[in-house]
PDB file of N, CA and C in Angstrom:
ATOM      1  N   MET A   1       2.518   8.903   7.250  1.00  0.00           N
ATOM      2  CA  MET A   1       2.620   7.462   7.288  1.00  0.00           C
ATOM      3  C   MET A   1       2.589   6.981   8.730  1.00  0.00           C
ATOM      4  N   ILE A   2       2.076   5.785   8.892  1.00  0.00           N
ATOM      5  CA  ILE A   2       1.978   5.139  10.189  1.00  0.00           C
ATOM      6  C   ILE A   2       2.909   3.927  10.188  1.00  0.00           C
ATOM      7  N   HIS A   3       3.684   3.790  11.252  1.00  0.00           N
ATOM      8  CA  HIS A   3       4.595   2.658  11.404  1.00  0.00           C
ATOM      9  C   HIS A   3       4.166   1.862  12.634  1.00  0.00           C
ATOM     10  N   VAL A   4       4.276   0.559  12.529  1.00  0.00           N
ATOM     11  CA  VAL A   4       3.945  -0.323  13.638  1.00  0.00           C
ATOM     12  C   VAL A   4       5.133  -1.243  13.876  1.00  0.00           C
ATOM     13  N   ILE A   5       5.496  -1.375  15.143  1.00  0.00           N
ATOM     14  CA  ILE A   5       6.501  -2.364  15.536  1.00  0.00           C
ATOM     15  C   ILE A   5       5.845  -3.246  16.585  1.00  0.00           C
ATOM     16  N   ALA A   6       5.592  -4.476  16.197  1.00  0.00           N
ATOM     17  CA  ALA A   6       4.989  -5.450  17.107  1.00  0.00           C
ATOM     18  C   ALA A   6       6.074  -6.429  17.532  1.00  0.00           C
ATOM     19  N   SER A   7       6.258  -6.579  18.823  1.00  0.00           N
ATOM     20  CA  SER A   7       7.232  -7.528  19.365  1.00  0.00           C
ATOM     21  C   SER A   7       6.453  -8.706  19.929  1.00  0.00           C
ATOM     22  N   LEU A   8       6.687  -9.859  19.357  1.00  0.00           N
ATOM     23  CA  LEU A   8       5.962 -11.062  19.755  1.00  0.00           C
ATOM     24  C   LEU A   8       6.917 -12.066  20.390  1.00  0.00           C
ATOM     25  N   ARG A   9       6.648 -12.432  21.620  1.00  0.00           N
ATOM     26  CA  ARG A   9       7.424 -13.494  22.263  1.00  0.00           C
ATOM     27  C   ARG A   9       6.765 -14.814  21.901  1.00  0.00           C
ATOM     28  N   VAL A  10       7.511 -15.618  21.164  1.00  0.00           N
ATOM     29  CA  VAL A  10       7.021 -16.905  20.689  1.00  0.00           C
ATOM     30  C   VAL A  10       7.532 -17.990  21.628  1.00  0.00           C
ATOM     31  N   LYS A  11       6.729 -19.001  21.831  1.00  0.00           N
ATOM     32  CA  LYS A  11       7.145 -20.116  22.694  1.00  0.00           C
ATOM     33  C   LYS A  11       8.464 -20.700  22.197  1.00  0.00           C
ATOM     34  N   ALA A  12       9.304 -21.096  23.140  1.00  0.00           N
ATOM     35  CA  ALA A  12      10.617 -21.651  22.813  1.00  0.00           C
ATOM     36  C   ALA A  12      10.487 -22.801  21.830  1.00  0.00           C
ATOM     37  N   GLY A  13      11.311 -22.744  20.798  1.00  0.00           N
ATOM     38  CA  GLY A  13      11.321 -23.801  19.793  1.00  0.00           C
ATOM     39  C   GLY A  13      10.222 -23.690  18.748  1.00  0.00           C
ATOM     40  N   LYS A  14       9.420 -22.646  18.799  1.00  0.00           N
ATOM     41  CA  LYS A  14       8.278 -22.515  17.886  1.00  0.00           C
ATOM     42  C   LYS A  14       8.405 -21.350  16.897  1.00  0.00           C
ATOM     43  N   VAL A  15       9.574 -20.701  16.862  1.00  0.00           N
ATOM     44  CA  VAL A  15       9.740 -19.544  15.977  1.00  0.00           C
ATOM     45  C   VAL A  15       9.546 -19.925  14.516  1.00  0.00           C
ATOM     46  N   GLU A  16      10.111 -21.021  14.075  1.00  0.00           N
ATOM     47  CA  GLU A  16       9.956 -21.415  12.664  1.00  0.00           C
ATOM     48  C   GLU A  16       8.493 -21.720  12.328  1.00  0.00           C
ATOM     49  N   ASP A  17       7.765 -22.340  13.244  1.00  0.00           N
ATOM     50  CA  ASP A  17       6.338 -22.586  13.029  1.00  0.00           C
ATOM     51  C   ASP A  17       5.590 -21.263  12.879  1.00  0.00           C
ATOM     52  N   PHE A  18       5.928 -20.309  13.739  1.00  0.00           N
ATOM     53  CA  PHE A  18       5.290 -18.997  13.664  1.00  0.00           C
ATOM     54  C   PHE A  18       5.617 -18.325  12.328  1.00  0.00           C
ATOM     55  N   LEU A  19       6.900 -18.329  11.953  1.00  0.00           N
ATOM     56  CA  LEU A  19       7.311 -17.661  10.711  1.00  0.00           C
ATOM     57  C   LEU A  19       6.675 -18.285   9.478  1.00  0.00           C
ATOM     58  N   GLU A  20       6.480 -19.582   9.502  1.00  0.00           N
ATOM     59  CA  GLU A  20       5.817 -20.249   8.376  1.00  0.00           C
ATOM     60  C   GLU A  20       4.395 -19.701   8.201  1.00  0.00           C
ATOM     61  N   ALA A  21       3.667 -19.585   9.288  1.00  0.00           N
ATOM     62  CA  ALA A  21       2.304 -19.036   9.231  1.00  0.00           C
ATOM     63  C   ALA A  21       2.338 -17.564   8.832  1.00  0.00           C
ATOM     64  N   PHE A  22       3.298 -16.808   9.375  1.00  0.00           N
ATOM     65  CA  PHE A  22       3.405 -15.388   9.063  1.00  0.00           C
ATOM     66  C   PHE A  22       3.671 -15.168   7.577  1.00  0.00           C
ATOM     67  N   ARG A  23       4.615 -15.896   7.021  1.00  0.00           N
ATOM     68  CA  ARG A  23       4.988 -15.701   5.613  1.00  0.00           C
ATOM     69  C   ARG A  23       3.791 -15.914   4.688  1.00  0.00           C
ATOM     70  N   SER A  24       3.011 -16.912   4.967  1.00  0.00           N
ATOM     71  CA  SER A  24       1.819 -17.190   4.158  1.00  0.00           C
ATOM     72  C   SER A  24       0.812 -16.044   4.283  1.00  0.00           C
ATOM     73  N   TYR A  25       0.586 -15.589   5.504  1.00  0.00           N
ATOM     74  CA  TYR A  25      -0.364 -14.515   5.775  1.00  0.00           C
ATOM     75  C   TYR A  25       0.109 -13.190   5.184  1.00  0.00           C
ATOM     76  N   ALA A  26       1.400 -12.911   5.277  1.00  0.00           N
ATOM     77  CA  ALA A  26       1.952 -11.629   4.836  1.00  0.00           C
ATOM     78  C   ALA A  26       1.737 -11.374   3.352  1.00  0.00           C
ATOM     79  N   VAL A  27       1.709 -12.425   2.558  1.00  0.00           N
ATOM     80  CA  VAL A  27       1.467 -12.272   1.114  1.00  0.00           C
ATOM     81  C   VAL A  27       0.145 -11.544   0.877  1.00  0.00           C
ATOM     82  N   ASP A  28      -0.885 -11.929   1.604  1.00  0.00           N
ATOM     83  CA  ASP A  28      -2.196 -11.287   1.456  1.00  0.00           C
ATOM     84  C   ASP A  28      -2.227  -9.900   2.102  1.00  0.00           C
ATOM     85  N   VAL A  29      -1.576  -9.741   3.233  1.00  0.00           N
ATOM     86  CA  VAL A  29      -1.571  -8.439   3.911  1.00  0.00           C
ATOM     87  C   VAL A  29      -0.953  -7.383   3.010  1.00  0.00           C
ATOM     88  N   ARG A  30       0.119  -7.732   2.320  1.00  0.00           N
ATOM     89  CA  ARG A  30       0.793  -6.756   1.446  1.00  0.00           C
ATOM     90  C   ARG A  30      -0.102  -6.273   0.309  1.00  0.00           C
ATOM     91  N   LYS A  31      -1.189  -6.969   0.045  1.00  0.00           N
ATOM     92  CA  LYS A  31      -2.147  -6.561  -0.982  1.00  0.00           C
ATOM     93  C   LYS A  31      -3.258  -5.680  -0.425  1.00  0.00           C
ATOM     94  N   GLU A  32      -3.319  -5.541   0.912  1.00  0.00           N
ATOM     95  CA  GLU A  32      -4.371  -4.730   1.531  1.00  0.00           C
ATOM     96  C   GLU A  32      -4.186  -3.254   1.177  1.00  0.00           C
ATOM     97  N   ARG A  33      -5.301  -2.544   1.125  1.00  0.00           N
ATOM     98  CA  ARG A  33      -5.275  -1.114   0.839  1.00  0.00           C
ATOM     99  C   ARG A  33      -4.413  -0.402   1.883  1.00  0.00           C
ATOM    100  N   GLY A  34      -3.471   0.380   1.414  1.00  0.00           N
ATOM    101  CA  GLY A  34      -2.655   1.192   2.301  1.00  0.00           C
ATOM    102  C   GLY A  34      -1.429   0.531   2.889  1.00  0.00           C
ATOM    103  N   CYS A  35      -1.218  -0.739   2.605  1.00  0.00           N
ATOM    104  CA  CYS A  35      -0.038  -1.426   3.139  1.00  0.00           C
ATOM    105  C   CYS A  35       1.186  -1.078   2.296  1.00  0.00           C
ATOM    106  N   ILE A  36       2.200  -0.553   2.949  1.00  0.00           N
ATOM    107  CA  ILE A  36       3.445  -0.204   2.276  1.00  0.00           C
ATOM    108  C   ILE A  36       4.525  -1.238   2.591  1.00  0.00           C
ATOM    109  N   LYS A  37       4.562  -1.691   3.835  1.00  0.00           N
ATOM    110  CA  LYS A  37       5.558  -2.695   4.249  1.00  0.00           C
ATOM    111  C   LYS A  37       4.949  -3.569   5.328  1.00  0.00           C
ATOM    112  N   TYR A  38       5.265  -4.856   5.263  1.00  0.00           N
ATOM    113  CA  TYR A  38       4.789  -5.812   6.273  1.00  0.00           C
ATOM    114  C   TYR A  38       5.775  -6.965   6.292  1.00  0.00           C
ATOM    115  N   ILE A  39       6.694  -6.935   7.255  1.00  0.00           N
ATOM    116  CA  ILE A  39       7.758  -7.940   7.308  1.00  0.00           C
ATOM    117  C   ILE A  39       7.955  -8.450   8.736  1.00  0.00           C
ATOM    118  N   ALA A  40       8.586  -9.606   8.839  1.00  0.00           N
ATOM    119  CA  ALA A  40       9.026 -10.138  10.129  1.00  0.00           C
ATOM    120  C   ALA A  40      10.542  -9.997  10.192  1.00  0.00           C
ATOM    121  N   ALA A  41      11.057  -9.753  11.393  1.00  0.00           N
ATOM    122  CA  ALA A  41      12.499  -9.622  11.582  1.00  0.00           C
ATOM    123  C   ALA A  41      12.889 -10.292  12.893  1.00  0.00           C
ATOM    124  N   LEU A  42      14.088 -10.866  12.884  1.00  0.00           N
ATOM    125  CA  LEU A  42      14.643 -11.500  14.079  1.00  0.00           C
ATOM    126  C   LEU A  42      15.887 -10.746  14.515  1.00  0.00           C
ATOM    127  N   GLU A  43      16.145 -10.740  15.804  1.00  0.00           N
ATOM    128  CA  GLU A  43      17.347 -10.110  16.333  1.00  0.00           C
ATOM    129  C   GLU A  43      18.574 -10.904  15.883  1.00  0.00           C
ATOM    130  N   ILE A  44      19.653 -10.169  15.646  1.00  0.00           N
ATOM    131  CA  ILE A  44      20.914 -10.813  15.273  1.00  0.00           C
ATOM    132  C   ILE A  44      22.023 -10.309  16.188  1.00  0.00           C
ATOM    133  N   ASP A  45      23.082 -11.076  16.257  1.00  0.00           N
ATOM    134  CA  ASP A  45      24.243 -10.688  17.042  1.00  0.00           C
ATOM    135  C   ASP A  45      25.083  -9.737  16.197  1.00  0.00           C
ATOM    136  N   ALA A  46      25.043  -8.466  16.540  1.00  0.00           N
ATOM    137  CA  ALA A  46      25.823  -7.447  15.841  1.00  0.00           C
ATOM    138  C   ALA A  46      26.704  -6.763  16.876  1.00  0.00           C
ATOM    139  N   VAL A  47      27.986  -6.851  16.700  1.00  0.00           N
ATOM    140  CA  VAL A  47      28.955  -6.370  17.687  1.00  0.00           C
ATOM    141  C   VAL A  47      28.671  -4.919  18.081  1.00  0.00           C
ATOM    142  N   PHE A  48      28.341  -4.079  17.118  1.00  0.00           N
ATOM    143  CA  PHE A  48      28.150  -2.657  17.408  1.00  0.00           C
ATOM    144  C   PHE A  48      26.835  -2.354  18.117  1.00  0.00           C
ATOM    145  N   ALA A  49      25.887  -3.272  18.097  1.00  0.00           N
ATOM    146  CA  ALA A  49      24.575  -3.010  18.684  1.00  0.00           C
ATOM    147  C   ALA A  49      24.560  -3.193  20.202  1.00  0.00           C
ATOM    148  N   GLN A  50      25.449  -4.001  20.720  1.00  0.00           N
ATOM    149  CA  GLN A  50      25.537  -4.258  22.157  1.00  0.00           C
ATOM    150  C   GLN A  50      24.167  -4.566  22.763  1.00  0.00           C
ATOM    151  N   GLN A  51      23.523  -5.526  22.184  1.00  0.00           N
ATOM    152  CA  GLN A  51      22.209  -5.927  22.679  1.00  0.00           C
ATOM    153  C   GLN A  51      22.208  -7.427  22.944  1.00  0.00           C
ATOM    154  N   PRO A  52      21.514  -7.840  23.963  1.00  0.00           N
ATOM    155  CA  PRO A  52      21.337  -9.286  24.116  1.00  0.00           C
ATOM    156  C   PRO A  52      20.382  -9.775  23.034  1.00  0.00           C
ATOM    157  N   VAL A  53      20.702 -10.899  22.452  1.00  0.00           N
ATOM    158  CA  VAL A  53      19.873 -11.457  21.387  1.00  0.00           C
ATOM    159  C   VAL A  53      18.863 -12.418  22.000  1.00  0.00           C
ATOM    160  N   ASP A  54      17.603 -12.177  21.709  1.00  0.00           N
ATOM    161  CA  ASP A  54      16.531 -13.051  22.182  1.00  0.00           C
ATOM    162  C   ASP A  54      15.945 -13.761  20.969  1.00  0.00           C
ATOM    163  N   LYS A  55      16.279 -15.011  20.807  1.00  0.00           N
ATOM    164  CA  LYS A  55      15.878 -15.769  19.624  1.00  0.00           C
ATOM    165  C   LYS A  55      14.408 -16.171  19.618  1.00  0.00           C
ATOM    166  N   ASP A  56      13.700 -15.878  20.700  1.00  0.00           N
ATOM    167  CA  ASP A  56      12.278 -16.212  20.766  1.00  0.00           C
ATOM    168  C   ASP A  56      11.377 -14.994  20.539  1.00  0.00           C
ATOM    169  N   VAL A  57      11.973 -13.875  20.129  1.00  0.00           N
ATOM    170  CA  VAL A  57      11.192 -12.673  19.839  1.00  0.00           C
ATOM    171  C   VAL A  57      11.202 -12.411  18.341  1.00  0.00           C
ATOM    172  N   VAL A  58      10.005 -12.256  17.793  1.00  0.00           N
ATOM    173  CA  VAL A  58       9.841 -11.891  16.388  1.00  0.00           C
ATOM    174  C   VAL A  58       9.276 -10.481  16.366  1.00  0.00           C
ATOM    175  N   ARG A  59       9.869  -9.627  15.563  1.00  0.00           N
ATOM    176  CA  ARG A  59       9.351  -8.265  15.393  1.00  0.00           C
ATOM    177  C   ARG A  59       8.625  -8.204  14.046  1.00  0.00           C
ATOM    178  N   ILE A  60       7.412  -7.706  14.089  1.00  0.00           N
ATOM    179  CA  ILE A  60       6.674  -7.455  12.863  1.00  0.00           C
ATOM    180  C   ILE A  60       6.780  -5.953  12.625  1.00  0.00           C
ATOM    181  N   ILE A  61       7.315  -5.588  11.479  1.00  0.00           N
ATOM    182  CA  ILE A  61       7.523  -4.187  11.135  1.00  0.00           C
ATOM    183  C   ILE A  61       6.587  -3.851   9.988  1.00  0.00           C
ATOM    184  N   GLU A  62       5.748  -2.852  10.226  1.00  0.00           N
ATOM    185  CA  GLU A  62       4.704  -2.500   9.267  1.00  0.00           C
ATOM    186  C   GLU A  62       4.754  -1.011   8.957  1.00  0.00           C
ATOM    187  N   THR A  63       4.385  -0.662   7.732  1.00  0.00           N
ATOM    188  CA  THR A  63       4.178   0.726   7.356  1.00  0.00           C
ATOM    189  C   THR A  63       2.863   0.797   6.596  1.00  0.00           C
ATOM    190  N   TRP A  64       2.030   1.755   7.020  1.00  0.00           N
ATOM    191  CA  TRP A  64       0.698   1.947   6.439  1.00  0.00           C
ATOM    192  C   TRP A  64       0.543   3.397   6.000  1.00  0.00           C
ATOM    193  N   GLU A  65      -0.271   3.615   4.969  1.00  0.00           N
ATOM    194  CA  GLU A  65      -0.491   4.969   4.469  1.00  0.00           C
ATOM    195  C   GLU A  65      -1.120   5.870   5.526  1.00  0.00           C
ATOM    196  N   ASP A  66      -2.071   5.317   6.294  1.00  0.00           N
ATOM    197  CA  ASP A  66      -2.776   6.125   7.281  1.00  0.00           C
ATOM    198  C   ASP A  66      -3.423   5.223   8.332  1.00  0.00           C
ATOM    199  N   LEU A  67      -4.000   5.843   9.354  1.00  0.00           N
ATOM    200  CA  LEU A  67      -4.633   5.082  10.430  1.00  0.00           C
ATOM    201  C   LEU A  67      -5.847   4.292   9.962  1.00  0.00           C
ATOM    202  N   ASP A  68      -6.570   4.805   8.974  1.00  0.00           N
ATOM    203  CA  ASP A  68      -7.730   4.063   8.461  1.00  0.00           C
ATOM    204  C   ASP A  68      -7.301   2.728   7.854  1.00  0.00           C
ATOM    205  N   ALA A  69      -6.210   2.737   7.101  1.00  0.00           N
ATOM    206  CA  ALA A  69      -5.711   1.489   6.504  1.00  0.00           C
ATOM    207  C   ALA A  69      -5.276   0.520   7.596  1.00  0.00           C
ATOM    208  N   LEU A  70      -4.594   1.034   8.614  1.00  0.00           N
ATOM    209  CA  LEU A  70      -4.174   0.174   9.726  1.00  0.00           C
ATOM    210  C   LEU A  70      -5.392  -0.381  10.463  1.00  0.00           C
ATOM    211  N   SER A  71      -6.393   0.447  10.687  1.00  0.00           N
ATOM    212  CA  SER A  71      -7.616  -0.009  11.372  1.00  0.00           C
ATOM    213  C   SER A  71      -8.304  -1.125  10.588  1.00  0.00           C
ATOM    214  N   ASP A  72      -8.370  -0.975   9.268  1.00  0.00           N
ATOM    215  CA  ASP A  72      -8.958  -2.022   8.432  1.00  0.00           C
ATOM    216  C   ASP A  72      -8.169  -3.318   8.559  1.00  0.00           C
ATOM    217  N   HIS A  73      -6.843  -3.191   8.585  1.00  0.00           N
ATOM    218  CA  HIS A  73      -5.992  -4.373   8.733  1.00  0.00           C
ATOM    219  C   HIS A  73      -6.234  -5.064  10.077  1.00  0.00           C
ATOM    220  N   ILE A  74      -6.300  -4.290  11.145  1.00  0.00           N
ATOM    221  CA  ILE A  74      -6.510  -4.857  12.487  1.00  0.00           C
ATOM    222  C   ILE A  74      -7.846  -5.594  12.547  1.00  0.00           C
ATOM    223  N   GLU A  75      -8.858  -5.016  11.950  1.00  0.00           N
ATOM    224  CA  GLU A  75     -10.178  -5.664  11.937  1.00  0.00           C
ATOM    225  C   GLU A  75     -10.116  -7.003  11.200  1.00  0.00           C
ATOM    226  N   ALA A  76      -9.434  -7.025  10.063  1.00  0.00           N
ATOM    227  CA  ALA A  76      -9.286  -8.269   9.295  1.00  0.00           C
ATOM    228  C   ALA A  76      -8.417  -9.276  10.047  1.00  0.00           C
ATOM    229  N   LEU A  77      -7.373  -8.796  10.709  1.00  0.00           N
ATOM    230  CA  LEU A  77      -6.468  -9.666  11.465  1.00  0.00           C
ATOM    231  C   LEU A  77      -7.208 -10.430  12.545  1.00  0.00           C
ATOM    232  N   GLU A  78      -8.089  -9.769  13.257  1.00  0.00           N
ATOM    233  CA  GLU A  78      -8.820 -10.404  14.352  1.00  0.00           C
ATOM    234  C   GLU A  78      -9.656 -11.592  13.884  1.00  0.00           C
ATOM    235  N   LYS A  79     -10.075 -11.579  12.624  1.00  0.00           N
ATOM    236  CA  LYS A  79     -10.923 -12.644  12.080  1.00  0.00           C
ATOM    237  C   LYS A  79     -10.135 -13.653  11.247  1.00  0.00           C
ATOM    238  N   SER A  80      -8.840 -13.470  11.137  1.00  0.00           N
ATOM    239  CA  SER A  80      -8.043 -14.257  10.194  1.00  0.00           C
ATOM    240  C   SER A  80      -7.703 -15.664  10.683  1.00  0.00           C
ATOM    241  N   ALA A  81      -7.475 -16.542   9.731  1.00  0.00           N
ATOM    242  CA  ALA A  81      -7.002 -17.892  10.035  1.00  0.00           C
ATOM    243  C   ALA A  81      -5.594 -17.830  10.642  1.00  0.00           C
ATOM    244  N   TYR A  82      -4.809 -16.841  10.219  1.00  0.00           N
ATOM    245  CA  TYR A  82      -3.461 -16.643  10.768  1.00  0.00           C
ATOM    246  C   TYR A  82      -3.516 -16.450  12.279  1.00  0.00           C
ATOM    247  N   ARG A  83      -4.453 -15.649  12.739  1.00  0.00           N
ATOM    248  CA  ARG A  83      -4.592 -15.400  14.183  1.00  0.00           C
ATOM    249  C   ARG A  83      -4.875 -16.708  14.908  1.00  0.00           C
ATOM    250  N   GLN A  84      -5.726 -17.538  14.322  1.00  0.00           N
ATOM    251  CA  GLN A  84      -6.044 -18.829  14.935  1.00  0.00           C
ATOM    252  C   GLN A  84      -4.838 -19.766  14.931  1.00  0.00           C
ATOM    253  N   LYS A  85      -4.078 -19.769  13.814  1.00  0.00           N
ATOM    254  CA  LYS A  85      -2.912 -20.646  13.698  1.00  0.00           C
ATOM    255  C   LYS A  85      -1.809 -20.280  14.682  1.00  0.00           C
ATOM    256  N   THR A  86      -1.689 -18.994  14.990  1.00  0.00           N
ATOM    257  CA  THR A  86      -0.554 -18.543  15.805  1.00  0.00           C
ATOM    258  C   THR A  86      -0.908 -18.259  17.259  1.00  0.00           C
ATOM    259  N   LYS A  87      -2.180 -18.276  17.604  1.00  0.00           N
ATOM    260  CA  LYS A  87      -2.565 -17.878  18.968  1.00  0.00           C
ATOM    261  C   LYS A  87      -1.910 -18.736  20.047  1.00  0.00           C
ATOM    262  N   ASP A  88      -1.675 -20.017  19.779  1.00  0.00           N
ATOM    263  CA  ASP A  88      -1.040 -20.886  20.775  1.00  0.00           C
ATOM    264  C   ASP A  88       0.485 -20.872  20.693  1.00  0.00           C
ATOM    265  N   LEU A  89       1.021 -20.135  19.711  1.00  0.00           N
ATOM    266  CA  LEU A  89       2.474 -20.033  19.565  1.00  0.00           C
ATOM    267  C   LEU A  89       3.031 -18.789  20.254  1.00  0.00           C
ATOM    268  N   VAL A  90       2.192 -17.766  20.416  1.00  0.00           N
ATOM    269  CA  VAL A  90       2.641 -16.488  20.966  1.00  0.00           C
ATOM    270  C   VAL A  90       2.317 -16.421  22.454  1.00  0.00           C
ATOM    271  N   GLU A  91       3.352 -16.148  23.252  1.00  0.00           N
ATOM    272  CA  GLU A  91       3.176 -16.037  24.705  1.00  0.00           C
ATOM    273  C   GLU A  91       2.825 -14.622  25.135  1.00  0.00           C
ATOM    274  N   ASP A  92       3.398 -13.629  24.431  1.00  0.00           N
ATOM    275  CA  ASP A  92       3.196 -12.243  24.830  1.00  0.00           C
ATOM    276  C   ASP A  92       3.433 -11.354  23.617  1.00  0.00           C
ATOM    277  N   ARG A  93       2.831 -10.151  23.643  1.00  0.00           N
ATOM    278  CA  ARG A  93       3.047  -9.215  22.552  1.00  0.00           C
ATOM    279  C   ARG A  93       3.033  -7.793  23.077  1.00  0.00           C
ATOM    280  N   SER A  94       3.809  -6.968  22.406  1.00  0.00           N
ATOM    281  CA  SER A  94       3.861  -5.540  22.679  1.00  0.00           C
ATOM    282  C   SER A  94       3.790  -4.844  21.332  1.00  0.00           C
ATOM    283  N   ILE A  95       2.890  -3.873  21.212  1.00  0.00           N
ATOM    284  CA  ILE A  95       2.706  -3.198  19.928  1.00  0.00           C
ATOM    285  C   ILE A  95       2.882  -1.701  20.112  1.00  0.00           C
ATOM    286  N   LYS A  96       3.715  -1.119  19.260  1.00  0.00           N
ATOM    287  CA  LYS A  96       3.940   0.321  19.244  1.00  0.00           C
ATOM    288  C   LYS A  96       3.455   0.848  17.891  1.00  0.00           C
ATOM    289  N   VAL A  97       2.600   1.870  17.935  1.00  0.00           N
ATOM    290  CA  VAL A  97       2.117   2.524  16.729  1.00  0.00           C
ATOM    291  C   VAL A  97       2.730   3.915  16.705  1.00  0.00           C
ATOM    292  N   LEU A  98       3.403   4.234  15.613  1.00  0.00           N
ATOM    293  CA  LEU A  98       4.174   5.480  15.508  1.00  0.00           C
ATOM    294  C   LEU A  98       3.737   6.270  14.289  1.00  0.00           C
ATOM    295  N   GLN A  99       3.757   7.587  14.405  1.00  0.00           N
ATOM    296  CA  GLN A  99       3.477   8.443  13.266  1.00  0.00           C
ATOM    297  C   GLN A  99       4.754   9.153  12.849  1.00  0.00           C
ATOM    298  N   GLU A 100       5.007   9.130  11.570  1.00  0.00           N
ATOM    299  CA  GLU A 100       6.188   9.798  11.039  1.00  0.00           C
ATOM    300  C   GLU A 100       6.053  11.308  11.216  1.00  0.00           C
ATOM    301  N   VAL A 101       7.135  11.963  11.601  1.00  0.00           N
ATOM    302  CA  VAL A 101       7.111  13.421  11.794  1.00  0.00           C
ATOM    303  C   VAL A 101       8.128  14.105  10.898  1.00  0.00           C
TER     304      VAL A 101
END
């Protein structure tokens, strides 16, 4: 299995706008071949985590059956209306692709 953690820095005050677009898009992504999980997550204040909370960062957590399924998703993402809707909301992104061992 392939796991992806994408960290997206969203413009201040625009997280809800981003999440609205993401939620709509995610419904279709979850139907793509090989998609096991596709969710958005926000940092929370958890005493035991000892982390600073950044309310402008959205993490997209994905699980795919294999790299081919992820590649197909990336190709579709680049052409998607979601990408157009969110391009002016996202300031920066970092993507980590991981393989389960």
